[in-house]
Amino acid sequence: MSYADLPALNAILNSVSAVLLLAGFICIRQRRVDLHRFCMISAFIVSTVFLVSYVVHHAHAGVIHYQGQGFLRAVYFTILTTHTILAILIVPLVLRTLYLALNSRFLEHRRWARWTYPIWLYVSITGVVIYEMLY
């Protein structure tokens, strides 16, 4: 695998993370706690692998500039801006939410997850959208 393959890998990892997050949400709604735990820990691992791959890619490739024009350019930068801000915010939110769950502090976990889950899902999905628009 070359550095040029990393953007596609990152999009795949973001997609897998989004699917795992959705599956985990469905599982907890169905009170399938063990499967929810598996999905969410898997989403955390996949997202961690993504983050490492993302940093490695950008350490070697630098900034990739969007080539689109007009309305799509405004859409791209709006998505990129919200994605970037929330991607920074999501790291401590995920760590805190996961910590609470692993320490059986489920009431607090649920309160934090109500914020963490939609932001994490948004970041995962918009990561794929950004890849599609950029490449």
N, C-alpha and C. Protein backbone atom coordinates (compact mmCIF):
# COMPACT_ATOMS: atom_id res chain seq x y z
N MET A 1 0.85 -1.18 0.00
CA MET A 1 0.00 0.00 0.00
C MET A 1 0.89 1.23 0.00
N SER A 2 0.56 2.18 -0.87
CA SER A 2 1.34 3.41 -0.95
C SER A 2 0.58 4.55 -0.25
N TYR A 3 1.27 5.66 -0.08
CA TYR A 3 0.62 6.83 0.53
C TYR A 3 -0.56 7.31 -0.31
N ALA A 4 -0.48 7.10 -1.61
CA ALA A 4 -1.57 7.52 -2.51
C ALA A 4 -2.85 6.72 -2.27
N ASP A 5 -2.73 5.54 -1.67
CA ASP A 5 -3.90 4.71 -1.38
C ASP A 5 -4.60 5.11 -0.08
N LEU A 6 -3.97 5.90 0.73
CA LEU A 6 -4.51 6.22 2.05
C LEU A 6 -5.83 7.00 2.02
N PRO A 7 -6.03 7.96 1.11
CA PRO A 7 -7.34 8.64 1.11
C PRO A 7 -8.51 7.68 0.90
N ALA A 8 -8.36 6.73 -0.02
CA ALA A 8 -9.43 5.75 -0.24
C ALA A 8 -9.62 4.88 1.00
N LEU A 9 -8.52 4.47 1.61
CA LEU A 9 -8.60 3.69 2.85
C LEU A 9 -9.32 4.50 3.92
N ASN A 10 -8.99 5.77 4.03
CA ASN A 10 -9.62 6.62 5.03
C ASN A 10 -11.12 6.73 4.81
N ALA A 11 -11.53 6.85 3.56
CA ALA A 11 -12.97 6.91 3.25
C ALA A 11 -13.65 5.60 3.63
N ILE A 12 -12.99 4.49 3.37
CA ILE A 12 -13.54 3.18 3.75
C ILE A 12 -13.66 3.08 5.26
N LEU A 13 -12.63 3.50 5.97
CA LEU A 13 -12.65 3.44 7.43
C LEU A 13 -13.76 4.33 7.99
N ASN A 14 -13.94 5.51 7.42
CA ASN A 14 -15.03 6.39 7.86
C ASN A 14 -16.38 5.75 7.59
N SER A 15 -16.52 5.10 6.44
CA SER A 15 -17.78 4.42 6.11
C SER A 15 -18.07 3.29 7.09
N VAL A 16 -17.06 2.50 7.37
CA VAL A 16 -17.22 1.39 8.32
C VAL A 16 -17.58 1.93 9.70
N SER A 17 -16.93 3.00 10.10
CA SER A 17 -17.24 3.62 11.39
C SER A 17 -18.69 4.06 11.44
N ALA A 18 -19.17 4.71 10.39
CA ALA A 18 -20.57 5.17 10.34
C ALA A 18 -21.54 4.00 10.43
N VAL A 19 -21.25 2.92 9.72
CA VAL A 19 -22.12 1.73 9.77
C VAL A 19 -22.13 1.13 11.17
N LEU A 20 -20.96 1.05 11.79
CA LEU A 20 -20.88 0.52 13.15
C LEU A 20 -21.62 1.41 14.14
N LEU A 21 -21.53 2.72 13.97
CA LEU A 21 -22.25 3.64 14.85
C LEU A 21 -23.75 3.46 14.71
N LEU A 22 -24.22 3.37 13.48
CA LEU A 22 -25.65 3.15 13.25
C LEU A 22 -26.10 1.81 13.83
N ALA A 23 -25.30 0.77 13.61
CA ALA A 23 -25.64 -0.55 14.15
C ALA A 23 -25.66 -0.53 15.67
N GLY A 24 -24.68 0.16 16.27
CA GLY A 24 -24.64 0.27 17.72
C GLY A 24 -25.85 0.99 18.28
N PHE A 25 -26.28 2.03 17.59
CA PHE A 25 -27.47 2.77 18.00
C PHE A 25 -28.71 1.89 17.94
N ILE A 26 -28.86 1.16 16.85
CA ILE A 26 -30.00 0.25 16.70
C ILE A 26 -29.96 -0.82 17.79
N CYS A 27 -28.78 -1.35 18.06
CA CYS A 27 -28.65 -2.41 19.08
C CYS A 27 -29.06 -1.92 20.46
N ILE A 28 -28.63 -0.73 20.83
CA ILE A 28 -28.98 -0.25 22.18
C ILE A 28 -30.47 0.05 22.26
N ARG A 29 -31.08 0.50 21.17
CA ARG A 29 -32.53 0.71 21.15
C ARG A 29 -33.29 -0.60 21.32
N GLN A 30 -32.67 -1.69 20.86
CA GLN A 30 -33.27 -3.02 20.99
C GLN A 30 -32.82 -3.72 22.27
N ARG A 31 -32.09 -2.99 23.11
CA ARG A 31 -31.58 -3.50 24.38
C ARG A 31 -30.63 -4.69 24.21
N ARG A 32 -29.93 -4.70 23.12
CA ARG A 32 -28.91 -5.72 22.84
C ARG A 32 -27.56 -5.12 23.25
N VAL A 33 -27.37 -5.05 24.56
CA VAL A 33 -26.24 -4.31 25.13
C VAL A 33 -24.90 -4.88 24.70
N ASP A 34 -24.75 -6.20 24.69
CA ASP A 34 -23.47 -6.79 24.31
C ASP A 34 -23.11 -6.46 22.86
N LEU A 35 -24.09 -6.53 21.98
CA LEU A 35 -23.84 -6.20 20.58
C LEU A 35 -23.58 -4.70 20.41
N HIS A 36 -24.29 -3.88 21.17
CA HIS A 36 -24.04 -2.43 21.18
C HIS A 36 -22.59 -2.16 21.58
N ARG A 37 -22.16 -2.80 22.66
CA ARG A 37 -20.78 -2.61 23.15
C ARG A 37 -19.78 -3.00 22.06
N PHE A 38 -20.02 -4.14 21.42
CA PHE A 38 -19.13 -4.61 20.36
C PHE A 38 -19.06 -3.60 19.21
N CYS A 39 -20.21 -3.11 18.78
CA CYS A 39 -20.26 -2.14 17.67
C CYS A 39 -19.54 -0.85 18.02
N MET A 40 -19.76 -0.36 19.23
CA MET A 40 -19.19 0.93 19.60
C MET A 40 -17.68 0.83 19.83
N ILE A 41 -17.22 -0.25 20.44
CA ILE A 41 -15.77 -0.43 20.61
C ILE A 41 -15.12 -0.63 19.25
N SER A 42 -15.80 -1.36 18.37
CA SER A 42 -15.28 -1.54 17.00
C SER A 42 -15.22 -0.20 16.27
N ALA A 43 -16.25 0.64 16.42
CA ALA A 43 -16.25 1.97 15.80
C ALA A 43 -15.09 2.80 16.33
N PHE A 44 -14.82 2.69 17.63
CA PHE A 44 -13.70 3.41 18.23
C PHE A 44 -12.37 2.94 17.64
N ILE A 45 -12.20 1.64 17.50
CA ILE A 45 -10.96 1.09 16.94
C ILE A 45 -10.80 1.52 15.48
N VAL A 46 -11.86 1.39 14.70
CA VAL A 46 -11.81 1.79 13.29
C VAL A 46 -11.50 3.28 13.17
N SER A 47 -12.11 4.09 14.00
CA SER A 47 -11.86 5.54 13.97
C SER A 47 -10.43 5.87 14.38
N THR A 48 -9.88 5.10 15.30
CA THR A 48 -8.49 5.30 15.73
C THR A 48 -7.54 4.95 14.58
N VAL A 49 -7.81 3.84 13.91
CA VAL A 49 -6.99 3.47 12.74
C VAL A 49 -7.10 4.55 11.67
N PHE A 50 -8.32 5.06 11.46
CA PHE A 50 -8.51 6.17 10.51
C PHE A 50 -7.63 7.35 10.89
N LEU A 51 -7.65 7.75 12.14
CA LEU A 51 -6.91 8.93 12.58
C LEU A 51 -5.41 8.76 12.32
N VAL A 52 -4.89 7.58 12.62
CA VAL A 52 -3.47 7.31 12.36
C VAL A 52 -3.19 7.40 10.86
N SER A 53 -4.03 6.76 10.06
CA SER A 53 -3.86 6.78 8.60
C SER A 53 -3.97 8.20 8.05
N TYR A 54 -4.91 8.97 8.57
CA TYR A 54 -5.10 10.36 8.14
C TYR A 54 -3.85 11.19 8.42
N VAL A 55 -3.31 11.07 9.62
CA VAL A 55 -2.12 11.83 9.99
C VAL A 55 -0.93 11.42 9.13
N VAL A 56 -0.75 10.12 8.92
CA VAL A 56 0.35 9.63 8.08
C VAL A 56 0.21 10.18 6.66
N HIS A 57 -1.00 10.12 6.11
CA HIS A 57 -1.21 10.61 4.74
C HIS A 57 -0.87 12.09 4.63
N HIS A 58 -1.40 12.90 5.54
CA HIS A 58 -1.17 14.34 5.45
C HIS A 58 0.24 14.75 5.82
N ALA A 59 0.93 13.91 6.58
CA ALA A 59 2.35 14.18 6.86
C ALA A 59 3.18 14.03 5.58
N HIS A 60 2.71 13.18 4.68
CA HIS A 60 3.45 12.95 3.43
C HIS A 60 2.88 13.73 2.25
N ALA A 61 1.58 13.95 2.22
CA ALA A 61 0.95 14.59 1.06
C ALA A 61 0.75 16.09 1.25
N GLY A 62 0.71 16.53 2.49
CA GLY A 62 0.42 17.93 2.75
C GLY A 62 -1.05 18.24 2.54
N VAL A 63 -1.34 19.46 2.20
CA VAL A 63 -2.72 19.91 2.00
C VAL A 63 -3.14 19.57 0.57
N ILE A 64 -4.33 19.01 0.44
CA ILE A 64 -4.90 18.74 -0.88
C ILE A 64 -5.94 19.83 -1.14
N HIS A 65 -5.80 20.53 -2.24
CA HIS A 65 -6.68 21.66 -2.54
C HIS A 65 -7.88 21.21 -3.36
N TYR A 66 -9.03 21.73 -3.00
CA TYR A 66 -10.27 21.44 -3.73
C TYR A 66 -10.24 22.18 -5.07
N GLN A 67 -10.59 21.49 -6.14
CA GLN A 67 -10.51 22.06 -7.48
C GLN A 67 -11.85 22.56 -8.02
N GLY A 68 -12.95 22.23 -7.33
CA GLY A 68 -14.27 22.63 -7.81
C GLY A 68 -14.48 24.13 -7.77
N GLN A 69 -15.48 24.58 -8.51
CA GLN A 69 -15.80 26.01 -8.60
C GLN A 69 -17.27 26.24 -8.33
N GLY A 70 -17.63 27.51 -8.16
CA GLY A 70 -19.03 27.90 -8.04
C GLY A 70 -19.69 27.42 -6.76
N PHE A 71 -20.96 27.03 -6.90
CA PHE A 71 -21.78 26.63 -5.76
C PHE A 71 -21.18 25.44 -5.00
N LEU A 72 -20.64 24.45 -5.74
CA LEU A 72 -20.06 23.27 -5.09
C LEU A 72 -18.86 23.64 -4.21
N ARG A 73 -18.14 24.66 -4.61
CA ARG A 73 -17.00 25.11 -3.79
C ARG A 73 -17.47 25.61 -2.43
N ALA A 74 -18.56 26.37 -2.43
CA ALA A 74 -19.13 26.87 -1.17
C ALA A 74 -19.65 25.71 -0.33
N VAL A 75 -20.30 24.75 -0.97
CA VAL A 75 -20.80 23.56 -0.26
C VAL A 75 -19.62 22.80 0.35
N TYR A 76 -18.59 22.58 -0.45
CA TYR A 76 -17.41 21.84 0.03
C TYR A 76 -16.80 22.50 1.26
N PHE A 77 -16.57 23.80 1.19
CA PHE A 77 -15.92 24.47 2.31
C PHE A 77 -16.82 24.58 3.54
N THR A 78 -18.11 24.62 3.35
CA THR A 78 -19.04 24.58 4.48
C THR A 78 -18.95 23.23 5.18
N ILE A 79 -19.00 22.17 4.38
CA ILE A 79 -18.89 20.81 4.96
C ILE A 79 -17.53 20.63 5.61
N LEU A 80 -16.47 21.05 4.92
CA LEU A 80 -15.11 20.89 5.45
C LEU A 80 -14.94 21.64 6.77
N THR A 81 -15.46 22.85 6.85
CA THR A 81 -15.32 23.64 8.08
C THR A 81 -16.04 22.99 9.25
N THR A 82 -17.30 22.61 9.05
CA THR A 82 -18.04 21.97 10.14
C THR A 82 -17.42 20.63 10.50
N HIS A 83 -16.99 19.88 9.49
CA HIS A 83 -16.36 18.58 9.73
C HIS A 83 -15.08 18.75 10.58
N THR A 84 -14.26 19.70 10.20
CA THR A 84 -12.97 19.90 10.89
C THR A 84 -13.18 20.31 12.35
N ILE A 85 -14.05 21.26 12.58
CA ILE A 85 -14.32 21.72 13.95
C ILE A 85 -14.86 20.56 14.80
N LEU A 86 -15.83 19.84 14.25
CA LEU A 86 -16.43 18.75 15.01
C LEU A 86 -15.50 17.55 15.15
N ALA A 87 -14.60 17.35 14.18
CA ALA A 87 -13.62 16.26 14.28
C ALA A 87 -12.66 16.51 15.44
N ILE A 88 -12.34 17.75 15.67
CA ILE A 88 -11.47 18.10 16.81
C ILE A 88 -12.25 17.90 18.11
N LEU A 89 -13.48 18.33 18.13
CA LEU A 89 -14.33 18.22 19.32
C LEU A 89 -14.65 16.77 19.67
N ILE A 90 -14.78 15.92 18.67
CA ILE A 90 -15.28 14.56 18.92
C ILE A 90 -14.27 13.71 19.69
N VAL A 91 -13.00 13.98 19.56
CA VAL A 91 -12.00 13.13 20.23
C VAL A 91 -12.22 13.09 21.74
N PRO A 92 -12.24 14.21 22.45
CA PRO A 92 -12.48 14.12 23.89
C PRO A 92 -13.89 13.62 24.22
N LEU A 93 -14.88 13.93 23.37
CA LEU A 93 -16.24 13.44 23.64
C LEU A 93 -16.29 11.91 23.58
N VAL A 94 -15.68 11.33 22.56
CA VAL A 94 -15.67 9.87 22.44
C VAL A 94 -14.91 9.25 23.60
N LEU A 95 -13.76 9.81 23.92
CA LEU A 95 -12.97 9.26 25.02
C LEU A 95 -13.75 9.30 26.34
N ARG A 96 -14.41 10.41 26.61
CA ARG A 96 -15.19 10.53 27.85
C ARG A 96 -16.38 9.57 27.86
N THR A 97 -17.10 9.50 26.75
CA THR A 97 -18.27 8.62 26.66
C THR A 97 -17.87 7.17 26.81
N LEU A 98 -16.79 6.78 26.16
CA LEU A 98 -16.29 5.40 26.26
C LEU A 98 -15.81 5.11 27.68
N TYR A 99 -15.11 6.05 28.29
CA TYR A 99 -14.64 5.89 29.67
C TYR A 99 -15.82 5.62 30.61
N LEU A 100 -16.87 6.41 30.47
CA LEU A 100 -18.04 6.25 31.34
C LEU A 100 -18.68 4.88 31.16
N ALA A 101 -18.79 4.42 29.93
CA ALA A 101 -19.39 3.11 29.67
C ALA A 101 -18.52 1.99 30.25
N LEU A 102 -17.22 2.08 30.03
CA LEU A 102 -16.32 1.03 30.51
C LEU A 102 -16.24 0.97 32.03
N ASN A 103 -16.62 2.07 32.67
CA ASN A 103 -16.63 2.11 34.14
C ASN A 103 -18.04 1.98 34.71
N SER A 104 -18.95 1.49 33.87
CA SER A 104 -20.33 1.19 34.28
C SER A 104 -21.06 2.40 34.84
N ARG A 105 -20.74 3.57 34.36
CA ARG A 105 -21.42 4.80 34.78
C ARG A 105 -22.43 5.14 33.68
N PHE A 106 -23.47 4.28 33.58
CA PHE A 106 -24.35 4.28 32.43
C PHE A 106 -25.27 5.49 32.33
N LEU A 107 -25.68 6.06 33.46
CA LEU A 107 -26.51 7.27 33.38
C LEU A 107 -25.72 8.43 32.78
N GLU A 108 -24.49 8.60 33.25
CA GLU A 108 -23.63 9.65 32.68
C GLU A 108 -23.27 9.33 31.24
N HIS A 109 -22.99 8.05 30.98
CA HIS A 109 -22.66 7.61 29.63
C HIS A 109 -23.78 7.99 28.66
N ARG A 110 -24.99 7.72 29.05
CA ARG A 110 -26.14 8.02 28.19
C ARG A 110 -26.27 9.52 27.91
N ARG A 111 -26.05 10.34 28.96
CA ARG A 111 -26.12 11.80 28.77
C ARG A 111 -25.05 12.29 27.79
N TRP A 112 -23.85 11.77 27.95
CA TRP A 112 -22.76 12.17 27.05
C TRP A 112 -23.00 11.62 25.65
N ALA A 113 -23.50 10.39 25.54
CA ALA A 113 -23.70 9.75 24.24
C ALA A 113 -24.74 10.50 23.39
N ARG A 114 -25.68 11.16 24.04
CA ARG A 114 -26.68 11.93 23.29
C ARG A 114 -26.05 13.05 22.48
N TRP A 115 -24.91 13.53 22.91
CA TRP A 115 -24.16 14.55 22.16
C TRP A 115 -23.10 13.90 21.29
N THR A 116 -22.41 12.93 21.85
CA THR A 116 -21.29 12.30 21.16
C THR A 116 -21.73 11.56 19.90
N TYR A 117 -22.79 10.77 20.00
CA TYR A 117 -23.22 9.94 18.89
C TYR A 117 -23.53 10.74 17.62
N PRO A 118 -24.39 11.74 17.66
CA PRO A 118 -24.69 12.44 16.40
C PRO A 118 -23.49 13.20 15.83
N ILE A 119 -22.65 13.73 16.69
CA ILE A 119 -21.46 14.44 16.21
C ILE A 119 -20.50 13.45 15.56
N TRP A 120 -20.28 12.31 16.21
CA TRP A 120 -19.37 11.29 15.68
C TRP A 120 -19.90 10.76 14.34
N LEU A 121 -21.19 10.52 14.27
CA LEU A 121 -21.80 10.04 13.03
C LEU A 121 -21.64 11.09 11.93
N TYR A 122 -21.89 12.35 12.25
CA TYR A 122 -21.74 13.43 11.28
C TYR A 122 -20.31 13.49 10.76
N VAL A 123 -19.34 13.41 11.65
CA VAL A 123 -17.93 13.48 11.26
C VAL A 123 -17.57 12.30 10.36
N SER A 124 -18.05 11.11 10.70
CA SER A 124 -17.77 9.94 9.87
C SER A 124 -18.37 10.07 8.47
N ILE A 125 -19.61 10.49 8.41
CA ILE A 125 -20.29 10.62 7.11
C ILE A 125 -19.69 11.75 6.28
N THR A 126 -19.47 12.89 6.89
CA THR A 126 -18.91 14.01 6.13
C THR A 126 -17.48 13.74 5.70
N GLY A 127 -16.77 12.90 6.43
CA GLY A 127 -15.43 12.49 5.99
C GLY A 127 -15.49 11.80 4.64
N VAL A 128 -16.49 10.95 4.44
CA VAL A 128 -16.67 10.26 3.17
C VAL A 128 -17.10 11.26 2.08
N VAL A 129 -17.99 12.18 2.44
CA VAL A 129 -18.46 13.19 1.48
C VAL A 129 -17.28 14.05 1.01
N ILE A 130 -16.44 14.46 1.94
CA ILE A 130 -15.26 15.27 1.60
C ILE A 130 -14.34 14.50 0.66
N TYR A 131 -14.12 13.22 0.96
CA TYR A 131 -13.29 12.39 0.08
C TYR A 131 -13.88 12.35 -1.32
N GLU A 132 -15.18 12.12 -1.42
CA GLU A 132 -15.83 12.03 -2.74
C GLU A 132 -15.72 13.35 -3.50
N MET A 133 -15.86 14.45 -2.79
CA MET A 133 -15.77 15.75 -3.46
C MET A 133 -14.33 16.10 -3.85
N LEU A 134 -13.39 15.66 -3.06
CA LEU A 134 -11.99 16.01 -3.28
C LEU A 134 -11.33 15.13 -4.33
N TYR A 135 -11.69 13.85 -4.33
CA TYR A 135 -11.01 12.91 -5.23
C TYR A 135 -11.94 12.45 -6.35
